[in-house]
């Protein structure tokens, strides 16, 4: 961790706002389980604690951030919002918006997992599908915001998404558990910068390690080069972290709070999903297995250490999950 004064990192995030966020976020998203998983430890060769962010109505950590967005909107005059989503943000925004009687539009790729699209619809949001990948959805969401005067929610750029995720970091620090490193799935960067900011402030001795698929490496390459790197494509089963165009402001925060940024193979992601299913009883989407994949690929690095992995999402097609966990 670099570029800090004392233990307080100079990011876009505010410690005061992060603490205040817990008064706004629905309790169902807060104080998620954190527990040691002995069965995984025997497989991975290190102490492993799970921070489980799937035991909520939208099965991902995204509700922490959308609760802040929806709360701010409900207190103002603009009561309609649009976002681009690979699936999880859209579900969370639909849930938070429905509870506050907001108009929610979600733009997603036609290739997004059907289970995620169906749940967005079931929560009452208007869903618009586009050809192409997440970046095409992001462009279309911006067009709709301009055309109709909607609030555009941009995941990771909008500070609410980062500070909502940062409440996970507070819970880790306040748990009283001593750990050496936290492994965080890296996509757009909200989860990593949020949790990383809190750990840099309150537990700087803890190593903050982000993990991304080798098939979708844009943010990791950007972190390594200290400059935005875009990619022509993203080829990974971990659709929730498959962005190609990192946001400069988010990268600047990540450079401050992350100690390392790892890339892992698709095979390791699949093995991670299988291990979480067989030894922790968890059905997770590929993005949530990135932390376990990192341990599998660097066993010597983590041997004898206590590692926390954040299980960030559980929205996965049942048939695909069955195929993956039985593939090896």
Protein backbone atom coordinates (compact mmCIF):
# COMPACT_ATOMS: atom_id res chain seq x y z
CA UNK A 1 0.00 0.00 0.00
CA UNK A 2 1.40 3.36 -1.00
CA UNK A 3 0.62 7.05 -1.20
CA UNK A 4 -0.85 7.49 2.26
CA UNK A 5 -0.44 9.86 5.14
CA UNK A 6 -0.09 7.83 8.33
CA UNK A 7 -2.53 4.95 7.95
CA UNK A 8 -5.16 6.94 6.03
CA UNK A 9 -5.08 6.30 2.27
CA UNK A 10 -5.77 9.22 -0.05
CA UNK A 11 -8.51 7.69 -2.15
CA UNK A 12 -11.88 9.06 -3.25
CA UNK A 13 -13.49 7.22 -0.34
CA UNK A 14 -14.38 8.77 3.01
CA UNK A 15 -14.05 6.92 6.31
CA UNK A 16 -16.89 9.00 7.72
CA UNK A 17 -19.24 8.18 4.84
CA UNK A 18 -18.37 4.49 5.02
CA UNK A 19 -19.31 4.33 8.70
CA UNK A 20 -22.49 6.31 8.05
CA UNK A 21 -23.43 3.92 5.24
CA UNK A 22 -24.29 1.22 7.75
CA UNK A 23 -27.20 3.34 8.96
CA UNK A 24 -28.66 3.37 5.43
CA UNK A 25 -28.00 -0.11 4.06
CA UNK A 26 -30.77 -2.61 4.75
CA UNK A 27 -29.75 -4.92 7.61
CA UNK A 28 -30.19 -7.98 5.39
CA UNK A 29 -26.97 -7.02 3.58
CA UNK A 30 -24.90 -6.31 6.69
CA UNK A 31 -22.93 -8.43 9.16
CA UNK A 32 -22.57 -11.33 6.77
CA UNK A 33 -21.03 -14.59 8.04
CA UNK A 34 -17.26 -14.80 8.52
CA UNK A 35 -15.97 -18.22 9.50
CA UNK A 36 -12.99 -20.57 9.29
CA UNK A 37 -13.48 -23.47 6.90
CA UNK A 38 -11.39 -26.41 8.13
CA UNK A 39 -12.26 -28.64 5.20
CA UNK A 40 -10.90 -26.09 2.73
CA UNK A 41 -7.78 -25.63 4.82
CA UNK A 42 -6.91 -29.30 4.41
CA UNK A 43 -7.22 -28.92 0.63
CA UNK A 44 -5.39 -25.61 0.28
CA UNK A 45 -2.62 -25.84 2.86
CA UNK A 46 -3.40 -22.62 4.68
CA UNK A 47 -5.97 -21.28 7.12
CA UNK A 48 -8.98 -20.06 5.15
CA UNK A 49 -11.82 -17.89 6.38
CA UNK A 50 -14.87 -17.21 4.23
CA UNK A 51 -16.68 -13.87 4.16
CA UNK A 52 -20.03 -14.91 2.73
CA UNK A 53 -21.73 -12.19 0.69
CA UNK A 54 -24.36 -14.41 -0.96
CA UNK A 55 -26.78 -14.88 1.94
CA UNK A 56 -29.08 -12.03 0.98
CA UNK A 57 -32.00 -11.40 -1.43
CA UNK A 58 -29.75 -10.64 -4.43
CA UNK A 59 -27.04 -13.22 -3.69
CA UNK A 60 -24.13 -10.79 -4.01
CA UNK A 61 -22.36 -7.93 -2.25
CA UNK A 62 -23.78 -5.38 -4.70
CA UNK A 63 -26.78 -4.55 -2.52
CA UNK A 64 -24.52 -2.67 -0.11
CA UNK A 65 -23.78 -0.08 -2.78
CA UNK A 66 -27.21 0.10 -4.42
CA UNK A 67 -28.79 0.72 -1.05
CA UNK A 68 -26.77 3.93 -0.80
CA UNK A 69 -27.66 4.99 -4.33
CA UNK A 70 -31.36 4.31 -3.84
CA UNK A 71 -31.39 6.09 -0.50
CA UNK A 72 -29.88 9.22 -2.03
CA UNK A 73 -32.31 9.14 -4.96
CA UNK A 74 -35.36 8.66 -2.74
CA UNK A 75 -34.41 11.80 -0.84
CA UNK A 76 -34.18 13.92 -4.01
CA UNK A 77 -36.21 14.91 -7.03
CA UNK A 78 -34.70 12.48 -9.54
CA UNK A 79 -36.40 9.15 -8.92
CA UNK A 80 -35.32 7.12 -11.93
CA UNK A 81 -31.98 5.42 -12.48
CA UNK A 82 -30.29 3.36 -15.18
CA UNK A 83 -27.25 1.13 -15.01
CA UNK A 84 -25.32 -1.29 -17.16
CA UNK A 85 -24.87 -4.66 -15.52
CA UNK A 86 -23.41 -8.09 -16.07
CA UNK A 87 -26.28 -9.21 -13.83
CA UNK A 88 -25.53 -8.74 -10.14
CA UNK A 89 -25.59 -4.93 -10.00
CA UNK A 90 -28.86 -4.92 -11.93
CA UNK A 91 -30.50 -7.29 -9.47
CA UNK A 92 -29.29 -5.28 -6.51
CA UNK A 93 -30.41 -1.96 -7.98
CA UNK A 94 -33.80 -3.44 -8.85
CA UNK A 95 -34.21 -4.68 -5.27
CA UNK A 96 -33.16 -1.41 -3.68
CA UNK A 97 -35.19 0.66 -6.13
CA UNK A 98 -38.35 -1.40 -5.72
CA UNK A 99 -38.27 -0.93 -1.96
CA UNK A 100 -38.07 2.84 -2.44
CA UNK A 101 -40.51 3.11 -5.36
CA UNK A 102 -37.87 4.21 -7.86
CA UNK A 103 -37.89 3.65 -11.60
CA UNK A 104 -35.03 1.29 -12.47
CA UNK A 105 -33.74 0.45 -15.94
CA UNK A 106 -31.01 -2.12 -16.42
CA UNK A 107 -29.06 -2.58 -19.64
CA UNK A 108 -27.35 -5.93 -20.11
CA UNK A 109 -25.79 -8.02 -22.83
CA UNK A 110 -27.98 -10.66 -24.44
CA UNK A 111 -25.22 -13.10 -23.59
CA UNK A 112 -25.49 -12.47 -19.84
CA UNK A 113 -26.52 -15.52 -17.80
CA UNK A 114 -30.25 -16.13 -18.13
CA UNK A 115 -30.63 -16.70 -14.39
CA UNK A 116 -29.38 -13.16 -13.73
CA UNK A 117 -31.59 -11.58 -16.39
CA UNK A 118 -34.69 -13.41 -15.16
CA UNK A 119 -34.12 -12.20 -11.61
CA UNK A 120 -33.72 -8.59 -12.76
CA UNK A 121 -37.11 -8.83 -14.45
CA UNK A 122 -38.70 -10.53 -11.45
CA UNK A 123 -37.67 -7.63 -9.24
CA UNK A 124 -39.62 -5.20 -11.37
CA UNK A 125 -36.86 -3.39 -13.28
CA UNK A 126 -37.14 -2.56 -16.96
CA UNK A 127 -34.52 -4.67 -18.73
CA UNK A 128 -33.04 -3.68 -22.08
CA UNK A 129 -30.78 -6.17 -23.83
CA UNK A 130 -28.06 -5.24 -26.29
CA UNK A 131 -25.79 -7.13 -28.64
CA UNK A 132 -22.14 -7.28 -27.61
CA UNK A 133 -20.54 -7.43 -24.19
CA UNK A 134 -20.71 -5.36 -21.01
CA UNK A 135 -19.02 -2.38 -22.67
CA UNK A 136 -21.84 -2.19 -25.22
CA UNK A 137 -24.32 -2.21 -22.34
CA UNK A 138 -22.39 0.59 -20.63
CA UNK A 139 -22.57 2.77 -23.74
CA UNK A 140 -26.30 2.17 -24.10
CA UNK A 141 -26.98 2.98 -20.43
CA UNK A 142 -25.20 6.32 -20.88
CA UNK A 143 -27.33 7.04 -23.96
CA UNK A 144 -30.55 6.33 -22.06
CA UNK A 145 -29.47 8.56 -19.18
CA UNK A 146 -28.82 11.44 -21.58
CA UNK A 147 -31.99 10.90 -23.60
CA UNK A 148 -34.38 10.61 -20.67
CA UNK A 149 -32.70 12.56 -17.88
CA UNK A 150 -32.08 9.50 -15.72
CA UNK A 151 -29.46 9.10 -13.01
CA UNK A 152 -26.69 7.01 -14.53
CA UNK A 153 -25.22 4.59 -12.03
CA UNK A 154 -21.71 3.56 -13.04
CA UNK A 155 -20.39 0.72 -10.96
CA UNK A 156 -17.01 1.45 -9.34
CA UNK A 157 -16.94 5.04 -10.65
CA UNK A 158 -19.90 6.11 -8.51
CA UNK A 159 -18.52 6.35 -5.03
CA UNK A 160 -21.59 4.80 -3.39
CA UNK A 161 -20.74 1.44 -4.95
CA UNK A 162 -17.24 1.55 -3.46
CA UNK A 163 -18.25 2.86 -0.05
CA UNK A 164 -21.07 0.33 0.20
CA UNK A 165 -18.58 -2.45 -0.49
CA UNK A 166 -16.21 -0.86 2.02
CA UNK A 167 -18.59 -1.80 4.85
CA UNK A 168 -17.39 -5.38 4.28
CA UNK A 169 -13.94 -4.15 5.27
CA UNK A 170 -15.28 -2.65 8.47
CA UNK A 171 -16.87 -5.97 9.36
CA UNK A 172 -13.60 -7.80 8.74
CA UNK A 173 -11.67 -5.41 10.96
CA UNK A 174 -14.29 -5.40 13.70
CA UNK A 175 -14.61 -9.19 13.74
CA UNK A 176 -11.62 -9.53 16.03
CA UNK A 177 -10.20 -12.19 13.71
CA UNK A 178 -6.50 -11.97 12.99
CA UNK A 179 -5.63 -12.68 9.37
CA UNK A 180 -2.67 -12.10 7.08
CA UNK A 181 -4.24 -11.45 3.69
CA UNK A 182 -7.57 -10.86 2.01
CA UNK A 183 -8.26 -12.09 -1.51
CA UNK A 184 -10.69 -9.92 -3.46
CA UNK A 185 -12.26 -10.56 -6.86
CA UNK A 186 -11.34 -7.74 -9.23
CA UNK A 187 -13.64 -6.51 -11.96
CA UNK A 188 -14.51 -2.84 -12.17
CA UNK A 189 -12.87 -2.29 -8.79
CA UNK A 190 -15.64 -1.29 -6.35
CA UNK A 191 -15.14 -4.29 -4.07
CA UNK A 192 -11.36 -4.12 -4.12
CA UNK A 193 -11.06 -0.37 -3.60
CA UNK A 194 -13.76 -0.33 -0.93
CA UNK A 195 -12.43 -3.18 1.19
CA UNK A 196 -8.85 -2.17 0.42
CA UNK A 197 -9.42 1.40 1.61
CA UNK A 198 -10.68 0.24 5.00
CA UNK A 199 -7.87 -2.27 5.49
CA UNK A 200 -5.28 0.33 4.50
CA UNK A 201 -6.75 2.68 7.09
CA UNK A 202 -7.45 0.31 9.95
CA UNK A 203 -5.37 -2.84 9.35
CA UNK A 204 -2.40 -1.86 7.17
CA UNK A 205 -0.53 -5.02 8.18
CA UNK A 206 -3.05 -7.10 6.20
CA UNK A 207 -2.05 -7.81 2.60
CA UNK A 208 -4.71 -6.76 0.08
CA UNK A 209 -4.54 -9.02 -2.97
CA UNK A 210 -6.85 -8.69 -5.96
CA UNK A 211 -7.57 -11.60 -8.28
CA UNK A 212 -8.78 -11.50 -11.88
CA UNK A 213 -9.13 -14.11 -14.65
CA UNK A 214 -6.28 -14.26 -17.15
CA UNK A 215 -8.92 -14.09 -19.87
CA UNK A 216 -10.16 -10.70 -18.64
CA UNK A 217 -7.03 -8.97 -17.32
CA UNK A 218 -7.60 -5.28 -18.11
CA UNK A 219 -7.66 -3.90 -14.57
CA UNK A 220 -4.79 -6.10 -13.40
CA UNK A 221 -2.62 -5.07 -16.35
CA UNK A 222 -3.51 -1.46 -15.61
CA UNK A 223 -2.50 -1.87 -11.95
CA UNK A 224 0.80 -3.43 -12.94
CA UNK A 225 1.62 -0.69 -15.47
CA UNK A 226 0.21 2.20 -13.39
CA UNK A 227 -1.80 3.28 -16.43
CA UNK A 228 -5.13 2.33 -17.99
CA UNK A 229 -4.81 -0.70 -20.25
CA UNK A 230 -7.78 -1.77 -22.35
CA UNK A 231 -8.28 -5.12 -24.05
CA UNK A 232 -10.02 -6.05 -27.28
CA UNK A 233 -11.95 -8.89 -25.71
CA UNK A 234 -12.72 -10.68 -22.46
CA UNK A 235 -12.80 -14.46 -22.52
CA UNK A 236 -13.75 -15.97 -19.17
CA UNK A 237 -16.55 -17.87 -17.47
CA UNK A 238 -16.35 -15.25 -14.69
CA UNK A 239 -18.81 -12.89 -16.38
CA UNK A 240 -19.11 -10.67 -13.31
CA UNK A 241 -15.53 -9.42 -13.70
CA UNK A 242 -15.23 -9.42 -17.48
CA UNK A 243 -14.70 -5.70 -18.14
CA UNK A 244 -12.35 -4.39 -20.84
CA UNK A 245 -12.13 -0.65 -20.12
CA UNK A 246 -10.84 0.25 -16.64
CA UNK A 247 -11.89 3.59 -15.18
CA UNK A 248 -8.94 5.87 -14.49
CA UNK A 249 -10.22 7.22 -11.17
CA UNK A 250 -10.86 3.69 -9.88
CA UNK A 251 -7.40 2.58 -10.96
CA UNK A 252 -5.86 5.45 -9.02
CA UNK A 253 -7.61 4.24 -5.87
CA UNK A 254 -6.59 0.65 -6.53
CA UNK A 255 -2.95 1.63 -6.91
CA UNK A 256 -3.09 3.10 -3.41
CA UNK A 257 -4.80 0.26 -1.56
CA UNK A 258 -3.82 -2.99 -3.32
CA UNK A 259 -0.56 -4.75 -2.46
CA UNK A 260 -0.68 -7.18 -5.36
CA UNK A 261 -2.86 -8.10 -8.34
CA UNK A 262 -2.94 -11.71 -9.52
CA UNK A 263 -4.25 -13.40 -12.65
CA UNK A 264 -5.58 -16.97 -12.57
CA UNK A 265 -6.55 -19.54 -15.17
CA UNK A 266 -10.02 -20.77 -16.06
CA UNK A 267 -9.07 -24.26 -14.87
CA UNK A 268 -8.19 -22.91 -11.42
CA UNK A 269 -11.48 -20.99 -11.25
CA UNK A 270 -13.42 -24.18 -12.02
CA UNK A 271 -11.42 -26.13 -9.43
CA UNK A 272 -12.11 -23.36 -6.92
CA UNK A 273 -15.84 -23.62 -7.55
CA UNK A 274 -15.67 -27.38 -7.07
CA UNK A 275 -13.74 -27.09 -3.81
CA UNK A 276 -16.18 -24.50 -2.45
CA UNK A 277 -19.06 -26.80 -3.35
CA UNK A 278 -17.55 -30.02 -2.04
CA UNK A 279 -15.81 -28.72 1.09
CA UNK A 280 -17.81 -25.63 2.06
CA UNK A 281 -21.25 -26.54 0.73
CA UNK A 282 -21.39 -23.33 -1.33
CA UNK A 283 -22.85 -22.84 -4.80
CA UNK A 284 -20.94 -19.86 -6.15
CA UNK A 285 -20.54 -18.10 -9.45
CA UNK A 286 -17.08 -18.17 -11.05
CA UNK A 287 -16.12 -14.68 -9.83
CA UNK A 288 -16.56 -15.83 -6.23
CA UNK A 289 -14.02 -18.62 -6.69
CA UNK A 290 -11.17 -16.33 -7.73
CA UNK A 291 -9.68 -16.19 -4.25
CA UNK A 292 -9.50 -19.96 -3.96
CA UNK A 293 -8.07 -20.12 -7.47
CA UNK A 294 -5.27 -17.79 -6.39
CA UNK A 295 -4.34 -20.05 -3.47
CA UNK A 296 -4.35 -23.07 -5.78
CA UNK A 297 -1.93 -21.38 -8.16
CA UNK A 298 0.43 -20.01 -5.46
CA UNK A 299 0.40 -22.57 -2.63
CA UNK A 300 3.85 -21.65 -1.33
CA UNK A 301 2.91 -18.00 -1.05
CA UNK A 302 -0.03 -18.73 1.25
CA UNK A 303 1.26 -21.77 3.13
CA UNK A 304 0.96 -21.33 6.89
CA UNK A 305 -0.91 -18.04 6.56
CA UNK A 306 -4.49 -17.10 7.46
CA UNK A 307 -6.31 -15.90 4.37
CA UNK A 308 -9.80 -14.42 4.00
CA UNK A 309 -11.57 -14.90 0.69
CA UNK A 310 -14.69 -12.87 -0.05
CA UNK A 311 -17.44 -14.95 -1.64
CA UNK A 312 -18.89 -12.12 -3.67
CA UNK A 313 -21.72 -13.74 -5.65
CA UNK A 314 -23.84 -16.84 -6.01
CA UNK A 315 -25.91 -16.13 -9.11
CA UNK A 316 -25.01 -19.02 -11.37
CA UNK A 317 -26.90 -21.12 -13.88
CA UNK A 318 -27.63 -24.47 -12.23
CA UNK A 319 -26.81 -26.56 -15.28
CA UNK A 320 -23.56 -24.69 -15.90
CA UNK A 321 -22.55 -25.04 -12.26
CA UNK A 322 -23.23 -28.76 -12.33
CA UNK A 323 -21.08 -29.08 -15.44
CA UNK A 324 -18.22 -27.12 -13.93
CA UNK A 325 -18.08 -28.83 -10.56
CA UNK A 326 -18.20 -32.28 -12.12
CA UNK A 327 -15.65 -31.48 -14.82
CA UNK A 328 -12.57 -32.50 -12.83
